[in-house]
Amino acid sequence: MAIKLEKVLPEVPASYWLNLESKYREYLAREYDKNELEKFDLEEIAEKFKFKEVFKGLGWSLSKQASEMLKILKISNFNIFDTVYSDLQVDFFEDGGQKEPIAIWLNLCKEEAELQTEDIQGIKYSHKNLEDKLRLFKNIAYNDNLDNTLISCKKLCNQLGIYFVELEAICNSKVRGALVTYNNHPAIFISRRFKSHDHVWFAIAHELGHLFKHYRINDVLISFEEEDINKEEETNVKEKEANEFARNFFIPQKDYNKFIENGDFASKEIELFSAKNKILPGILVARLQHDKYISMSSMNYKKSR
């Protein structure tokens, strides 16, 4: 029809009518989506899927926010969320943790990861390369400027064929980090919970441990700040192994045992041990607190925030 119109109106090319038709079809599709969205209780949807947090300051209508959230989650309507994300087994939280914010966070991380695709293109990931460069991660962490360490960590990960994204967690997700597959490459996502150097870098080392020990293409491993005893035994084992890897990544167990046997946890001794092992004192303080050798309120001034 467009070609026939072009013959009788030669000053108007067929492409004009085709473009007009395309825009009209798009308009009809958007109107259909809008009408479908209005069947939902958008106030309830907005609360459940954290619209205020995700779209803060954009001034969008609820229907616009709902439409954008569907794009983020890559689903056609909210009724199929539970089916599409049934593999996110996070209903073990006793205090109301939700899988909706976790799914949103994971997808927002993937959008950020896409920006690194050009840097990673053509680089093949291998465990051997990661093992050879592992000490460089520890060297990077030996810098009290957390923002700078994260920039350097991303560059190193990209050079090894790994996506690395640091993105603030969505409220009530309680996620510390995740290891996923993106564009056939491993991807490490970090939430920066608690915003302290020791927490963030332990989370990074934890995900590196998962990458070494448990990575399988298309598996999703999510690490939470508070581990729950009701998890499946396999998950418990994986988390314990990743935690052990992270602890030894910074402080070899043999050296740590000697320090504990000495029994002197004074500020000066912590500084000396940290300098010898090329770690920030806050990392040693955090481990001593976790292992209950010092109180949780002791020496927090040594932590970089």
C-alpha atoms as a PDB file:
ATOM      1  CA  MET A   1       0.000   0.000   0.000  1.00  0.00           C
ATOM      2  CA  ALA A   2       2.857   2.385   0.826  1.00  0.00           C
ATOM      3  CA  ILE A   3       4.436   1.759  -2.560  1.00  0.00           C
ATOM      4  CA  LYS A   4       1.095   2.368  -4.317  1.00  0.00           C
ATOM      5  CA  LEU A   5       0.672   5.642  -2.402  1.00  0.00           C
ATOM      6  CA  GLU A   6       4.172   6.650  -3.452  1.00  0.00           C
ATOM      7  CA  LYS A   7       3.140   6.219  -7.109  1.00  0.00           C
ATOM      8  CA  VAL A   8       0.191   8.592  -6.833  1.00  0.00           C
ATOM      9  CA  LEU A   9       1.968  10.967  -4.424  1.00  0.00           C
ATOM     10  CA  PRO A  10       5.577  10.784  -5.657  1.00  0.00           C
ATOM     11  CA  GLU A  11       6.689  13.650  -3.386  1.00  0.00           C
ATOM     12  CA  VAL A  12       5.930  11.424  -0.335  1.00  0.00           C
ATOM     13  CA  PRO A  13       8.181   8.321  -0.210  1.00  0.00           C
ATOM     14  CA  ALA A  14       6.866   4.907   0.808  1.00  0.00           C
ATOM     15  CA  SER A  15       9.145   5.026   3.878  1.00  0.00           C
ATOM     16  CA  TYR A  16       7.061   7.917   5.242  1.00  0.00           C
ATOM     17  CA  TRP A  17       3.871   5.838   5.293  1.00  0.00           C
ATOM     18  CA  LEU A  18       5.691   2.791   6.688  1.00  0.00           C
ATOM     19  CA  ASN A  19       7.178   4.890   9.483  1.00  0.00           C
ATOM     20  CA  LEU A  20       3.782   6.422  10.248  1.00  0.00           C
ATOM     21  CA  GLU A  21       2.186   2.981  10.386  1.00  0.00           C
ATOM     22  CA  SER A  22       4.963   1.718  12.673  1.00  0.00           C
ATOM     23  CA  LYS A  23       4.461   4.609  15.091  1.00  0.00           C
ATOM     24  CA  TYR A  24       0.717   4.053  15.085  1.00  0.00           C
ATOM     25  CA  ARG A  25       1.143   0.348  15.898  1.00  0.00           C
ATOM     26  CA  GLU A  26       3.550   1.265  18.701  1.00  0.00           C
ATOM     27  CA  TYR A  27       0.994   3.742  20.047  1.00  0.00           C
ATOM     28  CA  LEU A  28      -1.725   1.069  20.023  1.00  0.00           C
ATOM     29  CA  ALA A  29       0.574  -1.380  21.804  1.00  0.00           C
ATOM     30  CA  ARG A  30       1.429   1.160  24.521  1.00  0.00           C
ATOM     31  CA  GLU A  31      -2.226   2.027  25.008  1.00  0.00           C
ATOM     32  CA  TYR A  32      -2.985  -1.677  25.370  1.00  0.00           C
ATOM     33  CA  ASP A  33      -0.228  -2.047  27.961  1.00  0.00           C
ATOM     34  CA  LYS A  34      -1.523   1.005  29.800  1.00  0.00           C
ATOM     35  CA  ASN A  35      -5.032  -0.420  29.917  1.00  0.00           C
ATOM     36  CA  GLU A  36      -3.674  -3.777  31.110  1.00  0.00           C
ATOM     37  CA  LEU A  37      -1.655  -2.084  33.880  1.00  0.00           C
ATOM     38  CA  GLU A  38      -4.758  -0.264  35.094  1.00  0.00           C
ATOM     39  CA  LYS A  39      -6.279  -3.643  35.939  1.00  0.00           C
ATOM     40  CA  PHE A  40      -3.714  -3.962  38.725  1.00  0.00           C
ATOM     41  CA  ASP A  41      -3.726  -2.164  42.066  1.00  0.00           C
ATOM     42  CA  LEU A  42      -0.798   0.091  41.170  1.00  0.00           C
ATOM     43  CA  GLU A  43      -0.458   1.416  44.718  1.00  0.00           C
ATOM     44  CA  GLU A  44       0.081  -2.127  45.949  1.00  0.00           C
ATOM     45  CA  ILE A  45       2.408  -2.921  43.046  1.00  0.00           C
ATOM     46  CA  ALA A  46       4.393   0.266  43.739  1.00  0.00           C
ATOM     47  CA  GLU A  47       4.953  -0.704  47.368  1.00  0.00           C
ATOM     48  CA  LYS A  48       5.791  -4.313  46.600  1.00  0.00           C
ATOM     49  CA  PHE A  49       8.281  -3.447  43.849  1.00  0.00           C
ATOM     50  CA  LYS A  50       9.863  -0.423  45.578  1.00  0.00           C
ATOM     51  CA  PHE A  51       8.888   2.235  43.016  1.00  0.00           C
ATOM     52  CA  LYS A  52       9.713   5.121  45.375  1.00  0.00           C
ATOM     53  CA  GLU A  53      13.265   3.867  45.786  1.00  0.00           C
ATOM     54  CA  VAL A  54      13.979   2.763  42.222  1.00  0.00           C
ATOM     55  CA  PHE A  55      12.388   5.759  40.454  1.00  0.00           C
ATOM     56  CA  LYS A  56      13.108   8.397  43.091  1.00  0.00           C
ATOM     57  CA  GLY A  57      13.081  11.957  41.753  1.00  0.00           C
ATOM     58  CA  LEU A  58      11.930  11.087  38.220  1.00  0.00           C
ATOM     59  CA  GLY A  59       8.409  12.452  38.630  1.00  0.00           C
ATOM     60  CA  TRP A  60       6.830   9.610  36.632  1.00  0.00           C
ATOM     61  CA  SER A  61       3.200   8.521  36.929  1.00  0.00           C
ATOM     62  CA  LEU A  62       2.482   5.174  38.561  1.00  0.00           C
ATOM     63  CA  SER A  63       1.606   3.619  35.197  1.00  0.00           C
ATOM     64  CA  LYS A  64       4.902   4.866  33.693  1.00  0.00           C
ATOM     65  CA  GLN A  65       6.829   3.471  36.677  1.00  0.00           C
ATOM     66  CA  ALA A  66       4.976   0.165  36.390  1.00  0.00           C
ATOM     67  CA  SER A  67       5.799  -0.053  32.692  1.00  0.00           C
ATOM     68  CA  GLU A  68       9.492   0.641  33.356  1.00  0.00           C
ATOM     69  CA  MET A  69       9.576  -1.909  36.185  1.00  0.00           C
ATOM     70  CA  LEU A  70       8.283  -4.579  33.813  1.00  0.00           C
ATOM     71  CA  LYS A  71      11.167  -3.717  31.489  1.00  0.00           C
ATOM     72  CA  ILE A  72      13.679  -3.977  34.340  1.00  0.00           C
ATOM     73  CA  LEU A  73      12.321  -7.366  35.369  1.00  0.00           C
ATOM     74  CA  LYS A  74      11.926  -8.500  31.741  1.00  0.00           C
ATOM     75  CA  ILE A  75       8.371  -9.735  32.268  1.00  0.00           C
ATOM     76  CA  SER A  76       5.139  -8.873  30.439  1.00  0.00           C
ATOM     77  CA  ASN A  77       2.955  -8.459  33.516  1.00  0.00           C
ATOM     78  CA  PHE A  78       3.257  -8.637  37.297  1.00  0.00           C
ATOM     79  CA  ASN A  79       1.151 -11.795  37.582  1.00  0.00           C
ATOM     80  CA  ILE A  80       3.984 -13.929  36.220  1.00  0.00           C
ATOM     81  CA  PHE A  81       6.703 -12.549  38.524  1.00  0.00           C
ATOM     82  CA  ASP A  82       6.581 -15.488  40.944  1.00  0.00           C
ATOM     83  CA  THR A  83       6.764 -17.982  38.080  1.00  0.00           C
ATOM     84  CA  VAL A  84       9.652 -16.296  36.287  1.00  0.00           C
ATOM     85  CA  TYR A  85      11.615 -15.763  39.503  1.00  0.00           C
ATOM     86  CA  SER A  86      10.716 -19.017  41.213  1.00  0.00           C
ATOM     87  CA  ASP A  87      14.427 -19.907  41.429  1.00  0.00           C
ATOM     88  CA  LEU A  88      15.053 -17.086  43.906  1.00  0.00           C
ATOM     89  CA  GLN A  89      14.573 -19.099  47.086  1.00  0.00           C
ATOM     90  CA  VAL A  90      14.602 -16.305  49.646  1.00  0.00           C
ATOM     91  CA  ASP A  91      11.449 -17.077  51.603  1.00  0.00           C
ATOM     92  CA  PHE A  92      13.549 -18.341  54.530  1.00  0.00           C
ATOM     93  CA  PHE A  93      13.840 -14.852  56.029  1.00  0.00           C
ATOM     94  CA  GLU A  94      12.083 -14.748  59.382  1.00  0.00           C
ATOM     95  CA  ASP A  95      11.781 -10.963  59.411  1.00  0.00           C
ATOM     96  CA  GLY A  96      10.077 -10.301  56.089  1.00  0.00           C
ATOM     97  CA  GLY A  97      12.830 -10.299  53.490  1.00  0.00           C
ATOM     98  CA  GLN A  98      11.428 -10.198  49.968  1.00  0.00           C
ATOM     99  CA  LYS A  99      12.535 -11.629  46.658  1.00  0.00           C
ATOM    100  CA  GLU A 100      11.047  -8.729  44.656  1.00  0.00           C
ATOM    101  CA  PRO A 101      13.817  -6.273  45.682  1.00  0.00           C
ATOM    102  CA  ILE A 102      16.452  -8.965  45.113  1.00  0.00           C
ATOM    103  CA  ALA A 103      15.188  -9.575  41.567  1.00  0.00           C
ATOM    104  CA  ILE A 104      15.130  -5.824  40.922  1.00  0.00           C
ATOM    105  CA  TRP A 105      18.672  -5.413  42.261  1.00  0.00           C
ATOM    106  CA  LEU A 106      20.009  -8.281  40.162  1.00  0.00           C
ATOM    107  CA  ASN A 107      18.471  -6.852  37.000  1.00  0.00           C
ATOM    108  CA  LEU A 108      19.707  -3.321  37.722  1.00  0.00           C
ATOM    109  CA  CYS A 109      23.186  -4.804  38.220  1.00  0.00           C
ATOM    110  CA  LYS A 110      22.903  -6.501  34.831  1.00  0.00           C
ATOM    111  CA  GLU A 111      22.032  -3.157  33.230  1.00  0.00           C
ATOM    112  CA  GLU A 112      25.180  -1.683  34.792  1.00  0.00           C
ATOM    113  CA  ALA A 113      27.184  -4.711  33.665  1.00  0.00           C
ATOM    114  CA  GLU A 114      26.168  -4.101  30.066  1.00  0.00           C
ATOM    115  CA  LEU A 115      28.290  -0.923  30.130  1.00  0.00           C
ATOM    116  CA  GLN A 116      31.390  -3.132  30.597  1.00  0.00           C
ATOM    117  CA  THR A 117      30.691  -5.430  27.654  1.00  0.00           C
ATOM    118  CA  GLU A 118      32.969  -3.541  25.276  1.00  0.00           C
ATOM    119  CA  ASP A 119      35.878  -3.816  27.745  1.00  0.00           C
ATOM    120  CA  ILE A 120      35.336  -7.558  28.233  1.00  0.00           C
ATOM    121  CA  GLN A 121      34.637  -8.492  24.619  1.00  0.00           C
ATOM    122  CA  GLY A 122      37.156 -11.022  23.347  1.00  0.00           C
ATOM    123  CA  ILE A 123      38.536 -11.862  26.813  1.00  0.00           C
ATOM    124  CA  LYS A 124      37.954 -15.433  27.909  1.00  0.00           C
ATOM    125  CA  TYR A 125      37.613 -16.113  31.616  1.00  0.00           C
ATOM    126  CA  SER A 126      39.683 -18.923  33.144  1.00  0.00           C
ATOM    127  CA  HIS A 127      40.248 -20.084  36.717  1.00  0.00           C
ATOM    128  CA  LYS A 128      43.990 -20.248  35.988  1.00  0.00           C
ATOM    129  CA  ASN A 129      44.194 -16.574  35.030  1.00  0.00           C
ATOM    130  CA  LEU A 130      42.211 -15.597  38.107  1.00  0.00           C
ATOM    131  CA  GLU A 131      44.476 -17.681  40.350  1.00  0.00           C
ATOM    132  CA  ASP A 132      47.574 -16.059  38.852  1.00  0.00           C
ATOM    133  CA  LYS A 133      46.194 -12.554  39.489  1.00  0.00           C
ATOM    134  CA  LEU A 134      44.554 -13.200  42.844  1.00  0.00           C
ATOM    135  CA  ARG A 135      47.292 -11.448  44.832  1.00  0.00           C
ATOM    136  CA  LEU A 136      46.548  -8.268  42.865  1.00  0.00           C
ATOM    137  CA  PHE A 137      43.077  -8.119  44.425  1.00  0.00           C
ATOM    138  CA  LYS A 138      44.661  -8.157  47.875  1.00  0.00           C
ATOM    139  CA  ASN A 139      47.084  -5.421  46.797  1.00  0.00           C
ATOM    140  CA  ILE A 140      44.156  -3.311  45.601  1.00  0.00           C
ATOM    141  CA  ALA A 141      42.355  -3.802  48.919  1.00  0.00           C
ATOM    142  CA  TYR A 142      45.434  -2.418  50.720  1.00  0.00           C
ATOM    143  CA  ASN A 143      44.181   1.111  50.108  1.00  0.00           C
ATOM    144  CA  ASP A 144      41.896   2.906  52.540  1.00  0.00           C
ATOM    145  CA  ASN A 145      40.039   4.792  49.778  1.00  0.00           C
ATOM    146  CA  LEU A 146      37.159   2.417  49.156  1.00  0.00           C
ATOM    147  CA  ASP A 147      35.912   4.155  45.998  1.00  0.00           C
ATOM    148  CA  ASN A 148      39.355   3.927  44.387  1.00  0.00           C
ATOM    149  CA  THR A 149      39.693   0.250  45.294  1.00  0.00           C
ATOM    150  CA  LEU A 150      36.336  -0.528  43.672  1.00  0.00           C
ATOM    151  CA  ILE A 151      37.355   1.229  40.449  1.00  0.00           C
ATOM    152  CA  SER A 152      40.607  -0.753  40.368  1.00  0.00           C
ATOM    153  CA  CYS A 153      38.765  -3.975  41.230  1.00  0.00           C
ATOM    154  CA  LYS A 154      36.400  -3.479  38.293  1.00  0.00           C
ATOM    155  CA  LYS A 155      39.293  -2.872  35.891  1.00  0.00           C
ATOM    156  CA  LEU A 156      41.111  -5.990  37.060  1.00  0.00           C
ATOM    157  CA  CYS A 157      37.955  -8.105  36.854  1.00  0.00           C
ATOM    158  CA  ASN A 158      37.276  -6.874  33.318  1.00  0.00           C
ATOM    159  CA  GLN A 159      40.841  -7.757  32.288  1.00  0.00           C
ATOM    160  CA  LEU A 160      40.137 -11.293  33.514  1.00  0.00           C
ATOM    161  CA  GLY A 161      36.836 -11.555  31.636  1.00  0.00           C
ATOM    162  CA  ILE A 162      34.691 -10.947  34.732  1.00  0.00           C
ATOM    163  CA  TYR A 163      31.925  -8.387  35.042  1.00  0.00           C
ATOM    164  CA  PHE A 164      32.052  -6.434  38.304  1.00  0.00           C
ATOM    165  CA  VAL A 165      29.240  -4.172  39.510  1.00  0.00           C
ATOM    166  CA  GLU A 166      28.871  -2.357  42.814  1.00  0.00           C
ATOM    167  CA  LEU A 167      25.302  -1.149  43.296  1.00  0.00           C
ATOM    168  CA  GLU A 168      23.478  -0.158  46.453  1.00  0.00           C
ATOM    169  CA  ALA A 169      21.038  -2.813  47.644  1.00  0.00           C
ATOM    170  CA  ILE A 170      17.296  -2.282  47.341  1.00  0.00           C
ATOM    171  CA  CYS A 171      15.532  -1.889  50.691  1.00  0.00           C
ATOM    172  CA  ASN A 172      14.657  -5.213  52.360  1.00  0.00           C
ATOM    173  CA  SER A 173      16.715  -7.308  49.960  1.00  0.00           C
ATOM    174  CA  LYS A 174      19.472  -7.909  52.540  1.00  0.00           C
ATOM    175  CA  VAL A 175      21.741  -9.073  49.750  1.00  0.00           C
ATOM    176  CA  ARG A 176      25.491  -8.732  50.275  1.00  0.00           C
ATOM    177  CA  GLY A 177      26.593  -9.930  46.861  1.00  0.00           C
ATOM    178  CA  ALA A 178      25.901 -12.331  44.032  1.00  0.00           C
ATOM    179  CA  LEU A 179      27.683 -14.443  41.466  1.00  0.00           C
ATOM    180  CA  VAL A 180      25.791 -14.865  38.187  1.00  0.00           C
ATOM    181  CA  THR A 181      26.438 -15.373  34.485  1.00  0.00           C
ATOM    182  CA  TYR A 182      26.071 -12.441  32.116  1.00  0.00           C
ATOM    183  CA  ASN A 183      26.815 -12.678  28.390  1.00  0.00           C
ATOM    184  CA  ASN A 184      28.501 -16.045  29.022  1.00  0.00           C
ATOM    185  CA  HIS A 185      30.936 -14.479  31.498  1.00  0.00           C
ATOM    186  CA  PRO A 186      30.969 -14.693  35.295  1.00  0.00           C
ATOM    187  CA  ALA A 187      29.620 -11.541  36.927  1.00  0.00           C
ATOM    188  CA  ILE A 188      30.232 -10.424  40.501  1.00  0.00           C
ATOM    189  CA  PHE A 189      27.683  -8.030  41.995  1.00  0.00           C
ATOM    190  CA  ILE A 190      28.322  -6.270  45.315  1.00  0.00           C
ATOM    191  CA  SER A 191      25.751  -4.288  47.308  1.00  0.00           C
ATOM    192  CA  ARG A 192      28.168  -2.322  49.538  1.00  0.00           C
ATOM    193  CA  ARG A 193      26.084  -3.023  52.622  1.00  0.00           C
ATOM    194  CA  PHE A 194      27.259  -1.162  55.752  1.00  0.00           C
ATOM    195  CA  LYS A 195      29.604   0.925  53.560  1.00  0.00           C
ATOM    196  CA  SER A 196      32.790  -0.014  55.395  1.00  0.00           C
ATOM    197  CA  HIS A 197      35.988  -1.155  53.708  1.00  0.00           C
ATOM    198  CA  ASP A 198      36.197  -4.457  55.600  1.00  0.00           C
ATOM    199  CA  HIS A 199      32.561  -5.425  54.857  1.00  0.00           C
ATOM    200  CA  VAL A 200      32.785  -4.583  51.166  1.00  0.00           C
ATOM    201  CA  TRP A 201      36.094  -6.331  50.591  1.00  0.00           C
ATOM    202  CA  PHE A 202      35.065  -9.397  52.553  1.00  0.00           C
ATOM    203  CA  ALA A 203      32.010  -9.538  50.265  1.00  0.00           C
ATOM    204  CA  ILE A 204      34.251  -9.285  47.179  1.00  0.00           C
ATOM    205  CA  ALA A 205      36.559 -12.023  48.461  1.00  0.00           C
ATOM    206  CA  HIS A 206      33.511 -14.129  49.323  1.00  0.00           C
ATOM    207  CA  GLU A 207      32.224 -13.924  45.733  1.00  0.00           C
ATOM    208  CA  LEU A 208      35.716 -14.683  44.403  1.00  0.00           C
ATOM    209  CA  GLY A 209      35.593 -17.789  46.594  1.00  0.00           C
ATOM    210  CA  HIS A 210      32.280 -18.786  45.023  1.00  0.00           C
ATOM    211  CA  LEU A 211      33.797 -18.185  41.593  1.00  0.00           C
ATOM    212  CA  PHE A 212      36.730 -20.476  42.350  1.00  0.00           C
ATOM    213  CA  LYS A 213      34.786 -23.235  44.038  1.00  0.00           C
ATOM    214  CA  HIS A 214      31.163 -23.189  42.905  1.00  0.00           C
ATOM    215  CA  TYR A 215      30.737 -21.367  39.593  1.00  0.00           C
ATOM    216  CA  ARG A 216      28.573 -23.056  37.008  1.00  0.00           C
ATOM    217  CA  ILE A 217      27.257 -21.197  33.973  1.00  0.00           C
ATOM    218  CA  ASN A 218      23.757 -19.772  34.513  1.00  0.00           C
ATOM    219  CA  ASP A 219      23.649 -20.660  38.212  1.00  0.00           C
ATOM    220  CA  VAL A 220      22.723 -17.787  40.525  1.00  0.00           C
ATOM    221  CA  LEU A 221      24.502 -17.671  43.885  1.00  0.00           C
ATOM    222  CA  ILE A 222      23.231 -14.959  46.222  1.00  0.00           C
ATOM    223  CA  SER A 223      25.014 -14.116  49.468  1.00  0.00           C
ATOM    224  CA  PHE A 224      23.082 -12.518  52.305  1.00  0.00           C
ATOM    225  CA  GLU A 225      24.399 -10.560  55.223  1.00  0.00           C
ATOM    226  CA  GLU A 226      22.696 -12.796  57.745  1.00  0.00           C
ATOM    227  CA  GLU A 227      22.955 -16.487  57.035  1.00  0.00           C
ATOM    228  CA  ASP A 228      19.950 -18.583  58.049  1.00  0.00           C
ATOM    229  CA  ILE A 229      20.218 -22.069  59.498  1.00  0.00           C
ATOM    230  CA  ASN A 230      17.148 -23.190  57.572  1.00  0.00           C
ATOM    231  CA  LYS A 231      18.914 -23.034  54.226  1.00  0.00           C
ATOM    232  CA  GLU A 232      19.514 -26.241  52.343  1.00  0.00           C
ATOM    233  CA  GLU A 233      22.645 -28.029  53.497  1.00  0.00           C
ATOM    234  CA  GLU A 234      24.311 -27.607  50.089  1.00  0.00           C
ATOM    235  CA  THR A 235      23.868 -23.830  50.344  1.00  0.00           C
ATOM    236  CA  ASN A 236      25.281 -23.829  53.857  1.00  0.00           C
ATOM    237  CA  VAL A 237      28.363 -25.709  52.674  1.00  0.00           C
ATOM    238  CA  LYS A 238      28.932 -23.308  49.777  1.00  0.00           C
ATOM    239  CA  GLU A 239      28.593 -20.268  52.032  1.00  0.00           C
ATOM    240  CA  LYS A 240      30.963 -21.731  54.616  1.00  0.00           C
ATOM    241  CA  GLU A 241      33.532 -22.537  51.935  1.00  0.00           C
ATOM    242  CA  ALA A 242      33.289 -19.046  50.446  1.00  0.00           C
ATOM    243  CA  ASN A 243      33.616 -17.485  53.904  1.00  0.00           C
ATOM    244  CA  GLU A 244      36.681 -19.600  54.630  1.00  0.00           C
ATOM    245  CA  PHE A 245      38.207 -18.564  51.300  1.00  0.00           C
ATOM    246  CA  ALA A 246      37.559 -14.892  52.111  1.00  0.00           C
ATOM    247  CA  ARG A 247      39.122 -15.153  55.570  1.00  0.00           C
ATOM    248  CA  ASN A 248      42.258 -16.863  54.272  1.00  0.00           C
ATOM    249  CA  PHE A 249      42.383 -14.491  51.302  1.00  0.00           C
ATOM    250  CA  PHE A 250      43.308 -11.643  53.643  1.00  0.00           C
ATOM    251  CA  ILE A 251      44.932 -13.468  56.573  1.00  0.00           C
ATOM    252  CA  PRO A 252      46.428 -16.953  56.183  1.00  0.00           C
ATOM    253  CA  GLN A 253      44.973 -19.204  58.891  1.00  0.00           C
ATOM    254  CA  LYS A 254      48.425 -20.201  60.151  1.00  0.00           C
ATOM    255  CA  ASP A 255      49.468 -16.588  60.719  1.00  0.00           C
ATOM    256  CA  TYR A 256      46.132 -15.740  62.306  1.00  0.00           C
ATOM    257  CA  ASN A 257      46.421 -18.677  64.718  1.00  0.00           C
ATOM    258  CA  LYS A 258      49.861 -17.482  65.860  1.00  0.00           C
ATOM    259  CA  PHE A 259      48.488 -13.998  66.450  1.00  0.00           C
ATOM    260  CA  ILE A 260      45.605 -15.410  68.501  1.00  0.00           C
ATOM    261  CA  GLU A 261      47.949 -17.641  70.535  1.00  0.00           C
ATOM    262  CA  ASN A 262      49.986 -14.582  71.430  1.00  0.00           C
ATOM    263  CA  GLY A 263      46.830 -13.162  73.028  1.00  0.00           C
ATOM    264  CA  ASP A 264      47.843  -9.518  72.696  1.00  0.00           C
ATOM    265  CA  PHE A 265      45.113  -7.588  70.867  1.00  0.00           C
ATOM    266  CA  ALA A 266      46.381  -4.131  71.710  1.00  0.00           C
ATOM    267  CA  SER A 267      46.209  -1.417  69.077  1.00  0.00           C
ATOM    268  CA  LYS A 268      49.968  -1.506  68.427  1.00  0.00           C
ATOM    269  CA  GLU A 269      50.005  -5.288  67.877  1.00  0.00           C
ATOM    270  CA  ILE A 270      47.071  -5.045  65.473  1.00  0.00           C
ATOM    271  CA  GLU A 271      48.875  -2.346  63.493  1.00  0.00           C
ATOM    272  CA  LEU A 272      52.105  -4.388  63.329  1.00  0.00           C
ATOM    273  CA  PHE A 273      50.353  -7.599  62.261  1.00  0.00           C
ATOM    274  CA  SER A 274      48.308  -5.752  59.634  1.00  0.00           C
ATOM    275  CA  ALA A 275      51.363  -4.044  58.169  1.00  0.00           C
ATOM    276  CA  LYS A 276      53.249  -7.359  58.020  1.00  0.00           C
ATOM    277  CA  ASN A 277      50.360  -9.041  56.186  1.00  0.00           C
ATOM    278  CA  LYS A 278      49.640  -5.974  53.999  1.00  0.00           C
ATOM    279  CA  ILE A 279      46.031  -5.569  55.044  1.00  0.00           C
ATOM    280  CA  LEU A 280      44.208  -2.610  56.517  1.00  0.00           C
ATOM    281  CA  PRO A 281      43.845  -2.873  60.314  1.00  0.00           C
ATOM    282  CA  GLY A 282      40.064  -2.720  60.004  1.00  0.00           C
ATOM    283  CA  ILE A 283      40.049  -6.115  58.279  1.00  0.00           C
ATOM    284  CA  LEU A 284      41.872  -7.723  61.224  1.00  0.00           C
ATOM    285  CA  VAL A 285      39.631  -5.889  63.710  1.00  0.00           C
ATOM    286  CA  ALA A 286      36.521  -7.160  61.907  1.00  0.00           C
ATOM    287  CA  ARG A 287      37.786 -10.744  62.059  1.00  0.00           C
ATOM    288  CA  LEU A 288      38.684 -10.478  65.742  1.00  0.00           C
ATOM    289  CA  GLN A 289      35.212  -9.093  66.415  1.00  0.00           C
ATOM    290  CA  HIS A 290      33.548 -11.858  64.402  1.00  0.00           C
ATOM    291  CA  ASP A 291      35.542 -14.524  66.258  1.00  0.00           C
ATOM    292  CA  LYS A 292      34.682 -12.842  69.593  1.00  0.00           C
ATOM    293  CA  TYR A 293      38.253 -12.134  70.644  1.00  0.00           C
ATOM    294  CA  ILE A 294      37.316  -8.479  71.042  1.00  0.00           C
ATOM    295  CA  SER A 295      33.892  -6.849  71.473  1.00  0.00           C
ATOM    296  CA  MET A 296      31.875  -5.604  68.489  1.00  0.00           C
ATOM    297  CA  SER A 297      32.362  -2.034  69.730  1.00  0.00           C
ATOM    298  CA  SER A 298      36.111  -2.344  70.197  1.00  0.00           C
ATOM    299  CA  MET A 299      38.524  -0.477  67.878  1.00  0.00           C
ATOM    300  CA  ASN A 300      35.939   0.412  65.239  1.00  0.00           C
ATOM    301  CA  TYR A 301      37.915   3.608  64.712  1.00  0.00           C
ATOM    302  CA  LYS A 302      40.410   1.496  62.774  1.00  0.00           C
ATOM    303  CA  LYS A 303      37.820   0.704  60.112  1.00  0.00           C
ATOM    304  CA  SER A 304      37.672   2.789  56.930  1.00  0.00           C
ATOM    305  CA  ARG A 305      34.171   3.976  56.027  1.00  0.00           C
END
